[in-house]
Amino acid sequence: QFDIKNSNILDNDSLELERLCAALRENPNLEVALHVHTNTRQKSHRLCMILSKQRAENIRLFLDRRSIQAQRVQLVPEGCENPLQDCFVKKCNDAENHKNDRVEVVVLKK
C-alpha cells in the first residue's frame, strides 16, 4: 500500500519490494506484472490514473536501483478502475478507501 494521497513508497512497502527483488534474483526466469491501484479520493478516474502512473514510476526507480531488469517486471497502472471497496458508489471511511491503495503481483513466467 501507499500513502493515501501520494506516490511515495512507504517503509513497509519497501520491505515487500525488497522481498520481490530477492525472489527475482533467486529465480532468474521469474517474470511478474505489478498492477498498481489507487484509492478513489482523487475524485476522478483521470486523476486516479495519474497517481497510479506516478506510483508505477516510483516502483520502477526502486527496482532499477536494485538492478532488476525492466523486462522482467511489467508495471500496469490501474488507477481506481478495480477497487476492493467501491467508494465512488458508496461512502467509505479512510480505512475502507485505503484498501484500494495496493499493488497486486501476478506471476507471468516461472
PDB file of N, CA and C in Angstrom:
ATOM      1  N   GLN A   1       0.832  -1.187   0.000  1.00  0.00           N
ATOM      2  CA  GLN A   1       0.000   0.000   0.000  1.00  0.00           C
ATOM      3  C   GLN A   1       0.872   1.244   0.000  1.00  0.00           C
ATOM      4  N   PHE A   2       0.265   2.327  -0.404  1.00  0.00           N
ATOM      5  CA  PHE A   2       0.929   3.625  -0.433  1.00  0.00           C
ATOM      6  C   PHE A   2       0.222   4.562   0.533  1.00  0.00           C
ATOM      7  N   ASP A   3       0.840   5.703   0.766  1.00  0.00           N
ATOM      8  CA  ASP A   3       0.147   6.761   1.484  1.00  0.00           C
ATOM      9  C   ASP A   3      -1.112   7.086   0.686  1.00  0.00           C
ATOM     10  N   ILE A   4      -2.176   7.404   1.358  1.00  0.00           N
ATOM     11  CA  ILE A   4      -3.473   7.561   0.702  1.00  0.00           C
ATOM     12  C   ILE A   4      -3.496   8.672  -0.353  1.00  0.00           C
ATOM     13  N   LYS A   5      -2.603   9.661  -0.246  1.00  0.00           N
ATOM     14  CA  LYS A   5      -2.687  10.821  -1.133  1.00  0.00           C
ATOM     15  C   LYS A   5      -1.534  10.959  -2.120  1.00  0.00           C
ATOM     16  N   ASN A   6      -0.486  10.135  -2.021  1.00  0.00           N
ATOM     17  CA  ASN A   6       0.635  10.379  -2.917  1.00  0.00           C
ATOM     18  C   ASN A   6       1.278   9.097  -3.413  1.00  0.00           C
ATOM     19  N   SER A   7       2.399   9.249  -4.100  1.00  0.00           N
ATOM     20  CA  SER A   7       3.039   8.109  -4.751  1.00  0.00           C
ATOM     21  C   SER A   7       4.292   7.636  -4.029  1.00  0.00           C
ATOM     22  N   ASN A   8       4.544   8.166  -2.840  1.00  0.00           N
ATOM     23  CA  ASN A   8       5.731   7.762  -2.088  1.00  0.00           C
ATOM     24  C   ASN A   8       5.613   6.321  -1.627  1.00  0.00           C
ATOM     25  N   ILE A   9       6.720   5.601  -1.735  1.00  0.00           N
ATOM     26  CA  ILE A   9       6.765   4.224  -1.246  1.00  0.00           C
ATOM     27  C   ILE A   9       7.042   4.277   0.249  1.00  0.00           C
ATOM     28  N   LEU A  10       6.153   3.701   1.034  1.00  0.00           N
ATOM     29  CA  LEU A  10       6.296   3.692   2.488  1.00  0.00           C
ATOM     30  C   LEU A  10       7.288   2.612   2.920  1.00  0.00           C
ATOM     31  N   ASP A  11       7.810   2.723   4.138  1.00  0.00           N
ATOM     32  CA  ASP A  11       8.798   1.772   4.638  1.00  0.00           C
ATOM     33  C   ASP A  11       8.310   0.327   4.564  1.00  0.00           C
ATOM     34  N   ASN A  12       7.068   0.085   4.980  1.00  0.00           N
ATOM     35  CA  ASN A  12       6.533  -1.277   4.928  1.00  0.00           C
ATOM     36  C   ASN A  12       6.483  -1.784   3.494  1.00  0.00           C
ATOM     37  N   ASP A  13       6.149  -0.887   2.567  1.00  0.00           N
ATOM     38  CA  ASP A  13       6.088  -1.269   1.160  1.00  0.00           C
ATOM     39  C   ASP A  13       7.469  -1.582   0.622  1.00  0.00           C
ATOM     40  N   SER A  14       8.471  -0.846   1.062  1.00  0.00           N
ATOM     41  CA  SER A  14       9.817  -1.103   0.566  1.00  0.00           C
ATOM     42  C   SER A  14      10.288  -2.486   1.014  1.00  0.00           C
ATOM     43  N   LEU A  15       9.857  -2.949   2.177  1.00  0.00           N
ATOM     44  CA  LEU A  15      10.199  -4.303   2.624  1.00  0.00           C
ATOM     45  C   LEU A  15       9.594  -5.340   1.689  1.00  0.00           C
ATOM     46  N   GLU A  16       8.354  -5.118   1.284  1.00  0.00           N
ATOM     47  CA  GLU A  16       7.705  -6.042   0.348  1.00  0.00           C
ATOM     48  C   GLU A  16       8.404  -6.020  -1.001  1.00  0.00           C
ATOM     49  N   LEU A  17       8.799  -4.839  -1.456  1.00  0.00           N
ATOM     50  CA  LEU A  17       9.504  -4.738  -2.735  1.00  0.00           C
ATOM     51  C   LEU A  17      10.890  -5.384  -2.641  1.00  0.00           C
ATOM     52  N   GLU A  18      11.538  -5.277  -1.490  1.00  0.00           N
ATOM     53  CA  GLU A  18      12.822  -5.955  -1.305  1.00  0.00           C
ATOM     54  C   GLU A  18      12.648  -7.469  -1.409  1.00  0.00           C
ATOM     55  N   ARG A  19      11.542  -7.987  -0.871  1.00  0.00           N
ATOM     56  CA  ARG A  19      11.257  -9.428  -0.979  1.00  0.00           C
ATOM     57  C   ARG A  19      11.033  -9.821  -2.431  1.00  0.00           C
ATOM     58  N   LEU A  20      10.341  -8.965  -3.174  1.00  0.00           N
ATOM     59  CA  LEU A  20      10.137  -9.229  -4.601  1.00  0.00           C
ATOM     60  C   LEU A  20      11.483  -9.249  -5.320  1.00  0.00           C
ATOM     61  N   CYS A  21      12.343  -8.304  -5.028  1.00  0.00           N
ATOM     62  CA  CYS A  21      13.679  -8.263  -5.639  1.00  0.00           C
ATOM     63  C   CYS A  21      14.448  -9.542  -5.324  1.00  0.00           C
ATOM     64  N   ALA A  22      14.374  -9.998  -4.087  1.00  0.00           N
ATOM     65  CA  ALA A  22      15.064 -11.230  -3.695  1.00  0.00           C
ATOM     66  C   ALA A  22      14.518 -12.424  -4.473  1.00  0.00           C
ATOM     67  N   ALA A  23      13.211 -12.493  -4.617  1.00  0.00           N
ATOM     68  CA  ALA A  23      12.602 -13.592  -5.379  1.00  0.00           C
ATOM     69  C   ALA A  23      13.037 -13.553  -6.839  1.00  0.00           C
ATOM     70  N   LEU A  24      13.132 -12.357  -7.404  1.00  0.00           N
ATOM     71  CA  LEU A  24      13.568 -12.231  -8.789  1.00  0.00           C
ATOM     72  C   LEU A  24      15.036 -12.630  -8.947  1.00  0.00           C
ATOM     73  N   ARG A  25      15.862 -12.288  -7.976  1.00  0.00           N
ATOM     74  CA  ARG A  25      17.281 -12.680  -8.029  1.00  0.00           C
ATOM     75  C   ARG A  25      17.447 -14.193  -7.881  1.00  0.00           C
ATOM     76  N   GLU A  26      16.643 -14.797  -7.004  1.00  0.00           N
ATOM     77  CA  GLU A  26      16.735 -16.237  -6.747  1.00  0.00           C
ATOM     78  C   GLU A  26      16.161 -17.072  -7.883  1.00  0.00           C
ATOM     79  N   ASN A  27      15.270 -16.483  -8.662  1.00  0.00           N
ATOM     80  CA  ASN A  27      14.599 -17.192  -9.749  1.00  0.00           C
ATOM     81  C   ASN A  27      14.798 -16.422 -11.045  1.00  0.00           C
ATOM     82  N   PRO A  28      15.892 -16.684 -11.758  1.00  0.00           N
ATOM     83  CA  PRO A  28      16.248 -15.871 -12.927  1.00  0.00           C
ATOM     84  C   PRO A  28      15.240 -15.914 -14.076  1.00  0.00           C
ATOM     85  N   ASN A  29      14.348 -16.893 -14.093  1.00  0.00           N
ATOM     86  CA  ASN A  29      13.331 -16.967 -15.151  1.00  0.00           C
ATOM     87  C   ASN A  29      12.015 -16.296 -14.749  1.00  0.00           C
ATOM     88  N   LEU A  30      11.904 -15.895 -13.502  1.00  0.00           N
ATOM     89  CA  LEU A  30      10.668 -15.310 -12.991  1.00  0.00           C
ATOM     90  C   LEU A  30      10.384 -13.962 -13.642  1.00  0.00           C
ATOM     91  N   GLU A  31       9.158 -13.813 -14.128  1.00  0.00           N
ATOM     92  CA  GLU A  31       8.665 -12.539 -14.653  1.00  0.00           C
ATOM     93  C   GLU A  31       7.313 -12.273 -14.015  1.00  0.00           C
ATOM     94  N   VAL A  32       7.087 -11.023 -13.640  1.00  0.00           N
ATOM     95  CA  VAL A  32       5.843 -10.663 -12.959  1.00  0.00           C
ATOM     96  C   VAL A  32       5.242  -9.398 -13.562  1.00  0.00           C
ATOM     97  N   ALA A  33       3.968  -9.227 -13.304  1.00  0.00           N
ATOM     98  CA  ALA A  33       3.277  -7.969 -13.595  1.00  0.00           C
ATOM     99  C   ALA A  33       2.825  -7.393 -12.262  1.00  0.00           C
ATOM    100  N   LEU A  34       3.056  -6.111 -12.089  1.00  0.00           N
ATOM    101  CA  LEU A  34       2.608  -5.415 -10.881  1.00  0.00           C
ATOM    102  C   LEU A  34       1.475  -4.482 -11.277  1.00  0.00           C
ATOM    103  N   HIS A  35       0.275  -4.783 -10.779  1.00  0.00           N
ATOM    104  CA  HIS A  35      -0.904  -3.955 -11.062  1.00  0.00           C
ATOM    105  C   HIS A  35      -1.018  -2.923  -9.938  1.00  0.00           C
ATOM    106  N   VAL A  36      -0.869  -1.654 -10.316  1.00  0.00           N
ATOM    107  CA  VAL A  36      -0.774  -0.559  -9.351  1.00  0.00           C
ATOM    108  C   VAL A  36      -2.131   0.148  -9.269  1.00  0.00           C
ATOM    109  N   HIS A  37      -2.767   0.054  -8.107  1.00  0.00           N
ATOM    110  CA  HIS A  37      -4.106   0.597  -7.889  1.00  0.00           C
ATOM    111  C   HIS A  37      -4.066   1.822  -6.981  1.00  0.00           C
ATOM    112  N   THR A  38      -5.099   2.641  -7.074  1.00  0.00           N
ATOM    113  CA  THR A  38      -5.229   3.812  -6.197  1.00  0.00           C
ATOM    114  C   THR A  38      -6.574   3.803  -5.499  1.00  0.00           C
ATOM    115  N   ASN A  39      -6.664   4.640  -4.485  1.00  0.00           N
ATOM    116  CA  ASN A  39      -7.945   4.868  -3.820  1.00  0.00           C
ATOM    117  C   ASN A  39      -8.785   5.794  -4.686  1.00  0.00           C
ATOM    118  N   THR A  40      -9.990   6.064  -4.250  1.00  0.00           N
ATOM    119  CA  THR A  40     -10.887   6.930  -5.029  1.00  0.00           C
ATOM    120  C   THR A  40     -10.940   8.351  -4.486  1.00  0.00           C
ATOM    121  N   ARG A  41     -10.028   8.676  -3.591  1.00  0.00           N
ATOM    122  CA  ARG A  41     -10.003  10.015  -3.003  1.00  0.00           C
ATOM    123  C   ARG A  41      -9.742  11.091  -4.054  1.00  0.00           C
ATOM    124  N   GLN A  42      -9.167  10.723  -5.191  1.00  0.00           N
ATOM    125  CA  GLN A  42      -8.819  11.704  -6.229  1.00  0.00           C
ATOM    126  C   GLN A  42     -10.054  12.308  -6.904  1.00  0.00           C
ATOM    127  N   LYS A  43     -11.199  11.676  -6.763  1.00  0.00           N
ATOM    128  CA  LYS A  43     -12.496  12.181  -7.245  1.00  0.00           C
ATOM    129  C   LYS A  43     -12.699  12.086  -8.759  1.00  0.00           C
ATOM    130  N   SER A  44     -11.695  11.634  -9.491  1.00  0.00           N
ATOM    131  CA  SER A  44     -11.911  11.417 -10.934  1.00  0.00           C
ATOM    132  C   SER A  44     -11.010  10.285 -11.387  1.00  0.00           C
ATOM    133  N   HIS A  45     -11.478   9.559 -12.391  1.00  0.00           N
ATOM    134  CA  HIS A  45     -10.700   8.441 -12.911  1.00  0.00           C
ATOM    135  C   HIS A  45      -9.393   8.934 -13.534  1.00  0.00           C
ATOM    136  N   ARG A  46      -9.409  10.104 -14.142  1.00  0.00           N
ATOM    137  CA  ARG A  46      -8.202  10.661 -14.761  1.00  0.00           C
ATOM    138  C   ARG A  46      -7.129  10.917 -13.704  1.00  0.00           C
ATOM    139  N   LEU A  47      -7.509  11.532 -12.584  1.00  0.00           N
ATOM    140  CA  LEU A  47      -6.556  11.815 -11.512  1.00  0.00           C
ATOM    141  C   LEU A  47      -6.059  10.525 -10.842  1.00  0.00           C
ATOM    142  N   CYS A  48      -6.946   9.536 -10.729  1.00  0.00           N
ATOM    143  CA  CYS A  48      -6.535   8.234 -10.188  1.00  0.00           C
ATOM    144  C   CYS A  48      -5.469   7.613 -11.082  1.00  0.00           C
ATOM    145  N   MET A  49      -5.642   7.706 -12.397  1.00  0.00           N
ATOM    146  CA  MET A  49      -4.678   7.117 -13.319  1.00  0.00           C
ATOM    147  C   MET A  49      -3.341   7.850 -13.256  1.00  0.00           C
ATOM    148  N   ILE A  50      -3.377   9.158 -13.110  1.00  0.00           N
ATOM    149  CA  ILE A  50      -2.126   9.922 -12.971  1.00  0.00           C
ATOM    150  C   ILE A  50      -1.368   9.451 -11.730  1.00  0.00           C
ATOM    151  N   LEU A  51      -2.057   9.322 -10.607  1.00  0.00           N
ATOM    152  CA  LEU A  51      -1.428   8.872  -9.370  1.00  0.00           C
ATOM    153  C   LEU A  51      -0.895   7.447  -9.519  1.00  0.00           C
ATOM    154  N   SER A  52      -1.657   6.595 -10.167  1.00  0.00           N
ATOM    155  CA  SER A  52      -1.237   5.216 -10.382  1.00  0.00           C
ATOM    156  C   SER A  52       0.037   5.156 -11.230  1.00  0.00           C
ATOM    157  N   LYS A  53       0.118   5.973 -12.257  1.00  0.00           N
ATOM    158  CA  LYS A  53       1.326   6.025 -13.103  1.00  0.00           C
ATOM    159  C   LYS A  53       2.520   6.549 -12.317  1.00  0.00           C
ATOM    160  N   GLN A  54       2.310   7.540 -11.451  1.00  0.00           N
ATOM    161  CA  GLN A  54       3.397   8.062 -10.616  1.00  0.00           C
ATOM    162  C   GLN A  54       3.904   6.979  -9.673  1.00  0.00           C
ATOM    163  N   ARG A  55       2.990   6.218  -9.109  1.00  0.00           N
ATOM    164  CA  ARG A  55       3.385   5.128  -8.225  1.00  0.00           C
ATOM    165  C   ARG A  55       4.179   4.076  -8.992  1.00  0.00           C
ATOM    166  N   ALA A  56       3.720   3.749 -10.194  1.00  0.00           N
ATOM    167  CA  ALA A  56       4.439   2.778 -11.023  1.00  0.00           C
ATOM    168  C   ALA A  56       5.846   3.271 -11.344  1.00  0.00           C
ATOM    169  N   GLU A  57       5.988   4.552 -11.629  1.00  0.00           N
ATOM    170  CA  GLU A  57       7.318   5.123 -11.904  1.00  0.00           C
ATOM    171  C   GLU A  57       8.224   5.007 -10.679  1.00  0.00           C
ATOM    172  N   ASN A  58       7.682   5.235  -9.490  1.00  0.00           N
ATOM    173  CA  ASN A  58       8.481   5.111  -8.269  1.00  0.00           C
ATOM    174  C   ASN A  58       8.909   3.661  -8.027  1.00  0.00           C
ATOM    175  N   ILE A  59       8.019   2.738  -8.336  1.00  0.00           N
ATOM    176  CA  ILE A  59       8.370   1.320  -8.213  1.00  0.00           C
ATOM    177  C   ILE A  59       9.473   0.982  -9.216  1.00  0.00           C
ATOM    178  N   ARG A  60       9.363   1.481 -10.443  1.00  0.00           N
ATOM    179  CA  ARG A  60      10.385   1.224 -11.459  1.00  0.00           C
ATOM    180  C   ARG A  60      11.747   1.752 -10.989  1.00  0.00           C
ATOM    181  N   LEU A  61      11.772   2.964 -10.437  1.00  0.00           N
ATOM    182  CA  LEU A  61      13.022   3.520  -9.913  1.00  0.00           C
ATOM    183  C   LEU A  61      13.594   2.649  -8.800  1.00  0.00           C
ATOM    184  N   PHE A  62      12.729   2.189  -7.922  1.00  0.00           N
ATOM    185  CA  PHE A  62      13.140   1.313  -6.819  1.00  0.00           C
ATOM    186  C   PHE A  62      13.797   0.059  -7.376  1.00  0.00           C
ATOM    187  N   LEU A  63      13.166  -0.561  -8.361  1.00  0.00           N
ATOM    188  CA  LEU A  63      13.688  -1.793  -8.950  1.00  0.00           C
ATOM    189  C   LEU A  63      14.971  -1.534  -9.733  1.00  0.00           C
ATOM    190  N   ASP A  64      15.018  -0.428 -10.448  1.00  0.00           N
ATOM    191  CA  ASP A  64      16.219  -0.071 -11.215  1.00  0.00           C
ATOM    192  C   ASP A  64      17.427   0.098 -10.293  1.00  0.00           C
ATOM    193  N   ARG A  65      17.223   0.733  -9.144  1.00  0.00           N
ATOM    194  CA  ARG A  65      18.320   0.950  -8.194  1.00  0.00           C
ATOM    195  C   ARG A  65      18.847  -0.369  -7.624  1.00  0.00           C
ATOM    196  N   ARG A  66      18.048  -1.406  -7.741  1.00  0.00           N
ATOM    197  CA  ARG A  66      18.458  -2.722  -7.247  1.00  0.00           C
ATOM    198  C   ARG A  66      18.820  -3.664  -8.400  1.00  0.00           C
ATOM    199  N   SER A  67      19.024  -3.084  -9.574  1.00  0.00           N
ATOM    200  CA  SER A  67      19.477  -3.809 -10.772  1.00  0.00           C
ATOM    201  C   SER A  67      18.530  -4.917 -11.213  1.00  0.00           C
ATOM    202  N   ILE A  68      17.227  -4.695 -11.040  1.00  0.00           N
ATOM    203  CA  ILE A  68      16.228  -5.633 -11.541  1.00  0.00           C
ATOM    204  C   ILE A  68      15.900  -5.226 -12.973  1.00  0.00           C
ATOM    205  N   GLN A  69      16.056  -6.155 -13.900  1.00  0.00           N
ATOM    206  CA  GLN A  69      15.831  -5.867 -15.312  1.00  0.00           C
ATOM    207  C   GLN A  69      14.372  -5.478 -15.565  1.00  0.00           C
ATOM    208  N   ALA A  70      14.190  -4.379 -16.269  1.00  0.00           N
ATOM    209  CA  ALA A  70      12.853  -3.842 -16.520  1.00  0.00           C
ATOM    210  C   ALA A  70      11.964  -4.837 -17.257  1.00  0.00           C
ATOM    211  N   GLN A  71      12.522  -5.626 -18.162  1.00  0.00           N
ATOM    212  CA  GLN A  71      11.698  -6.545 -18.952  1.00  0.00           C
ATOM    213  C   GLN A  71      11.142  -7.702 -18.115  1.00  0.00           C
ATOM    214  N   ARG A  72      11.647  -7.874 -16.894  1.00  0.00           N
ATOM    215  CA  ARG A  72      11.137  -8.940 -16.027  1.00  0.00           C
ATOM    216  C   ARG A  72       9.951  -8.499 -15.181  1.00  0.00           C
ATOM    217  N   VAL A  73       9.701  -7.183 -15.139  1.00  0.00           N
ATOM    218  CA  VAL A  73       8.617  -6.651 -14.305  1.00  0.00           C
ATOM    219  C   VAL A  73       7.778  -5.687 -15.139  1.00  0.00           C
ATOM    220  N   GLN A  74       6.576  -6.120 -15.476  1.00  0.00           N
ATOM    221  CA  GLN A  74       5.638  -5.230 -16.165  1.00  0.00           C
ATOM    222  C   GLN A  74       4.902  -4.409 -15.110  1.00  0.00           C
ATOM    223  N   LEU A  75       4.815  -3.120 -15.346  1.00  0.00           N
ATOM    224  CA  LEU A  75       4.061  -2.255 -14.439  1.00  0.00           C
ATOM    225  C   LEU A  75       2.778  -1.845 -15.137  1.00  0.00           C
ATOM    226  N   VAL A  76       1.653  -2.135 -14.493  1.00  0.00           N
ATOM    227  CA  VAL A  76       0.341  -1.899 -15.082  1.00  0.00           C
ATOM    228  C   VAL A  76      -0.435  -0.916 -14.201  1.00  0.00           C
ATOM    229  N   PRO A  77      -0.425   0.371 -14.559  1.00  0.00           N
ATOM    230  CA  PRO A  77      -1.225   1.329 -13.783  1.00  0.00           C
ATOM    231  C   PRO A  77      -2.718   1.037 -13.982  1.00  0.00           C
ATOM    232  N   GLU A  78      -3.422   0.829 -12.891  1.00  0.00           N
ATOM    233  CA  GLU A  78      -4.852   0.508 -12.948  1.00  0.00           C
ATOM    234  C   GLU A  78      -5.723   1.698 -12.547  1.00  0.00           C
ATOM    235  N   GLY A  79      -5.119   2.698 -11.899  1.00  0.00           N
ATOM    236  CA  GLY A  79      -5.936   3.793 -11.389  1.00  0.00           C
ATOM    237  C   GLY A  79      -6.906   3.272 -10.349  1.00  0.00           C
ATOM    238  N   CYS A  80      -8.128   3.741 -10.402  1.00  0.00           N
ATOM    239  CA  CYS A  80      -9.159   3.291  -9.453  1.00  0.00           C
ATOM    240  C   CYS A  80     -10.247   2.486 -10.166  1.00  0.00           C
ATOM    241  N   GLU A  81      -9.856   1.815 -11.254  1.00  0.00           N
ATOM    242  CA  GLU A  81     -10.811   1.062 -12.068  1.00  0.00           C
ATOM    243  C   GLU A  81     -11.288  -0.228 -11.416  1.00  0.00           C
ATOM    244  N   ASN A  82     -10.461  -0.856 -10.588  1.00  0.00           N
ATOM    245  CA  ASN A  82     -10.812  -2.144  -9.977  1.00  0.00           C
ATOM    246  C   ASN A  82     -10.657  -2.082  -8.462  1.00  0.00           C
ATOM    247  N   PRO A  83     -11.473  -1.270  -7.805  1.00  0.00           N
ATOM    248  CA  PRO A  83     -11.306  -1.107  -6.354  1.00  0.00           C
ATOM    249  C   PRO A  83     -11.768  -2.329  -5.568  1.00  0.00           C
ATOM    250  N   LEU A  84     -11.137  -2.552  -4.423  1.00  0.00           N
ATOM    251  CA  LEU A  84     -11.636  -3.555  -3.493  1.00  0.00           C
ATOM    252  C   LEU A  84     -12.886  -3.026  -2.792  1.00  0.00           C
ATOM    253  N   GLN A  85     -12.887  -1.724  -2.523  1.00  0.00           N
ATOM    254  CA  GLN A  85     -14.030  -1.028  -1.935  1.00  0.00           C
ATOM    255  C   GLN A  85     -14.461   0.042  -2.932  1.00  0.00           C
ATOM    256  N   ASP A  86     -15.665  -0.049  -3.465  1.00  0.00           N
ATOM    257  CA  ASP A  86     -16.103   0.920  -4.469  1.00  0.00           C
ATOM    258  C   ASP A  86     -16.611   2.187  -3.786  1.00  0.00           C
ATOM    259  N   CYS A  87     -15.681   3.077  -3.513  1.00  0.00           N
ATOM    260  CA  CYS A  87     -16.002   4.303  -2.787  1.00  0.00           C
ATOM    261  C   CYS A  87     -16.557   5.402  -3.693  1.00  0.00           C
ATOM    262  N   PHE A  88     -16.638   5.145  -4.995  1.00  0.00           N
ATOM    263  CA  PHE A  88     -17.357   6.062  -5.866  1.00  0.00           C
ATOM    264  C   PHE A  88     -18.860   5.860  -5.696  1.00  0.00           C
ATOM    265  N   VAL A  89     -19.260   4.615  -5.431  1.00  0.00           N
ATOM    266  CA  VAL A  89     -20.680   4.277  -5.310  1.00  0.00           C
ATOM    267  C   VAL A  89     -21.177   4.491  -3.882  1.00  0.00           C
ATOM    268  N   LYS A  90     -20.420   3.994  -2.902  1.00  0.00           N
ATOM    269  CA  LYS A  90     -20.836   4.154  -1.504  1.00  0.00           C
ATOM    270  C   LYS A  90     -19.854   5.056  -0.777  1.00  0.00           C
ATOM    271  N   LYS A  91     -20.291   5.639   0.295  1.00  0.00           N
ATOM    272  CA  LYS A  91     -19.411   6.490   1.095  1.00  0.00           C
ATOM    273  C   LYS A  91     -18.542   5.603   1.967  1.00  0.00           C
ATOM    274  N   CYS A  92     -17.241   5.742   1.796  1.00  0.00           N
ATOM    275  CA  CYS A  92     -16.278   4.930   2.545  1.00  0.00           C
ATOM    276  C   CYS A  92     -15.531   5.800   3.547  1.00  0.00           C
ATOM    277  N   ASN A  93     -15.132   5.175   4.644  1.00  0.00           N
ATOM    278  CA  ASN A  93     -14.238   5.883   5.554  1.00  0.00           C
ATOM    279  C   ASN A  93     -12.811   5.750   5.007  1.00  0.00           C
ATOM    280  N   ASP A  94     -11.852   6.422   5.632  1.00  0.00           N
ATOM    281  CA  ASP A  94     -10.472   6.409   5.135  1.00  0.00           C
ATOM    282  C   ASP A  94      -9.887   5.005   5.102  1.00  0.00           C
ATOM    283  N   ALA A  95     -10.163   4.207   6.116  1.00  0.00           N
ATOM    284  CA  ALA A  95      -9.606   2.852   6.179  1.00  0.00           C
ATOM    285  C   ALA A  95     -10.132   1.992   5.027  1.00  0.00           C
ATOM    286  N   GLU A  96     -11.429   2.086   4.758  1.00  0.00           N
ATOM    287  CA  GLU A  96     -12.006   1.327   3.638  1.00  0.00           C
ATOM    288  C   GLU A  96     -11.408   1.778   2.309  1.00  0.00           C
ATOM    289  N   ASN A  97     -11.307   3.080   2.120  1.00  0.00           N
ATOM    290  CA  ASN A  97     -10.777   3.614   0.875  1.00  0.00           C
ATOM    291  C   ASN A  97      -9.298   3.275   0.723  1.00  0.00           C
ATOM    292  N   HIS A  98      -8.572   3.254   1.818  1.00  0.00           N
ATOM    293  CA  HIS A  98      -7.133   2.975   1.767  1.00  0.00           C
ATOM    294  C   HIS A  98      -6.845   1.542   1.310  1.00  0.00           C
ATOM    295  N   LYS A  99      -7.809   0.625   1.468  1.00  0.00           N
ATOM    296  CA  LYS A  99      -7.636  -0.747   0.979  1.00  0.00           C
ATOM    297  C   LYS A  99      -7.421  -0.761  -0.534  1.00  0.00           C
ATOM    298  N   ASN A 100      -7.890   0.271  -1.214  1.00  0.00           N
ATOM    299  CA  ASN A 100      -7.735   0.354  -2.663  1.00  0.00           C
ATOM    300  C   ASN A 100      -6.313   0.727  -3.076  1.00  0.00           C
ATOM    301  N   ASP A 101      -5.524   1.306  -2.171  1.00  0.00           N
ATOM    302  CA  ASP A 101      -4.131   1.658  -2.445  1.00  0.00           C
ATOM    303  C   ASP A 101      -3.296   0.390  -2.321  1.00  0.00           C
ATOM    304  N   ARG A 102      -3.019  -0.237  -3.461  1.00  0.00           N
ATOM    305  CA  ARG A 102      -2.327  -1.517  -3.385  1.00  0.00           C
ATOM    306  C   ARG A 102      -1.597  -1.819  -4.686  1.00  0.00           C
ATOM    307  N   VAL A 103      -0.701  -2.789  -4.586  1.00  0.00           N
ATOM    308  CA  VAL A 103      -0.025  -3.334  -5.764  1.00  0.00           C
ATOM    309  C   VAL A 103      -0.263  -4.831  -5.723  1.00  0.00           C
ATOM    310  N   GLU A 104      -0.816  -5.363  -6.804  1.00  0.00           N
ATOM    311  CA  GLU A 104      -1.057  -6.798  -6.896  1.00  0.00           C
ATOM    312  C   GLU A 104      -0.005  -7.416  -7.801  1.00  0.00           C
ATOM    313  N   VAL A 105       0.581  -8.515  -7.362  1.00  0.00           N
ATOM    314  CA  VAL A 105       1.622  -9.197  -8.113  1.00  0.00           C
ATOM    315  C   VAL A 105       0.999 -10.379  -8.853  1.00  0.00           C
ATOM    316  N   VAL A 106       1.256 -10.447 -10.154  1.00  0.00           N
ATOM    317  CA  VAL A 106       0.798 -11.568 -10.976  1.00  0.00           C
ATOM    318  C   VAL A 106       2.030 -12.223 -11.592  1.00  0.00           C
ATOM    319  N   VAL A 107       2.198 -13.514 -11.363  1.00  0.00           N
ATOM    320  CA  VAL A 107       3.325 -14.240 -11.943  1.00  0.00           C
ATOM    321  C   VAL A 107       3.013 -14.521 -13.409  1.00  0.00           C
ATOM    322  N   LEU A 108       3.903 -14.083 -14.280  1.00  0.00           N
ATOM    323  CA  LEU A 108       3.741 -14.294 -15.711  1.00  0.00           C
ATOM    324  C   LEU A 108       4.522 -15.508 -16.209  1.00  0.00           C
ATOM    325  N   LYS A 109       5.693 -15.701 -15.614  1.00  0.00           N
ATOM    326  CA  LYS A 109       6.568 -16.794 -16.039  1.00  0.00           C
ATOM    327  C   LYS A 109       7.405 -17.233 -14.855  1.00  0.00           C
ATOM    328  N   LYS A 110       7.465 -18.553 -14.645  1.00  0.00           N
ATOM    329  CA  LYS A 110       8.283 -19.105 -13.549  1.00  0.00           C
ATOM    330  C   LYS A 110       9.611 -19.578 -14.071  1.00  0.00           C
TER     331      LYS A 110
END
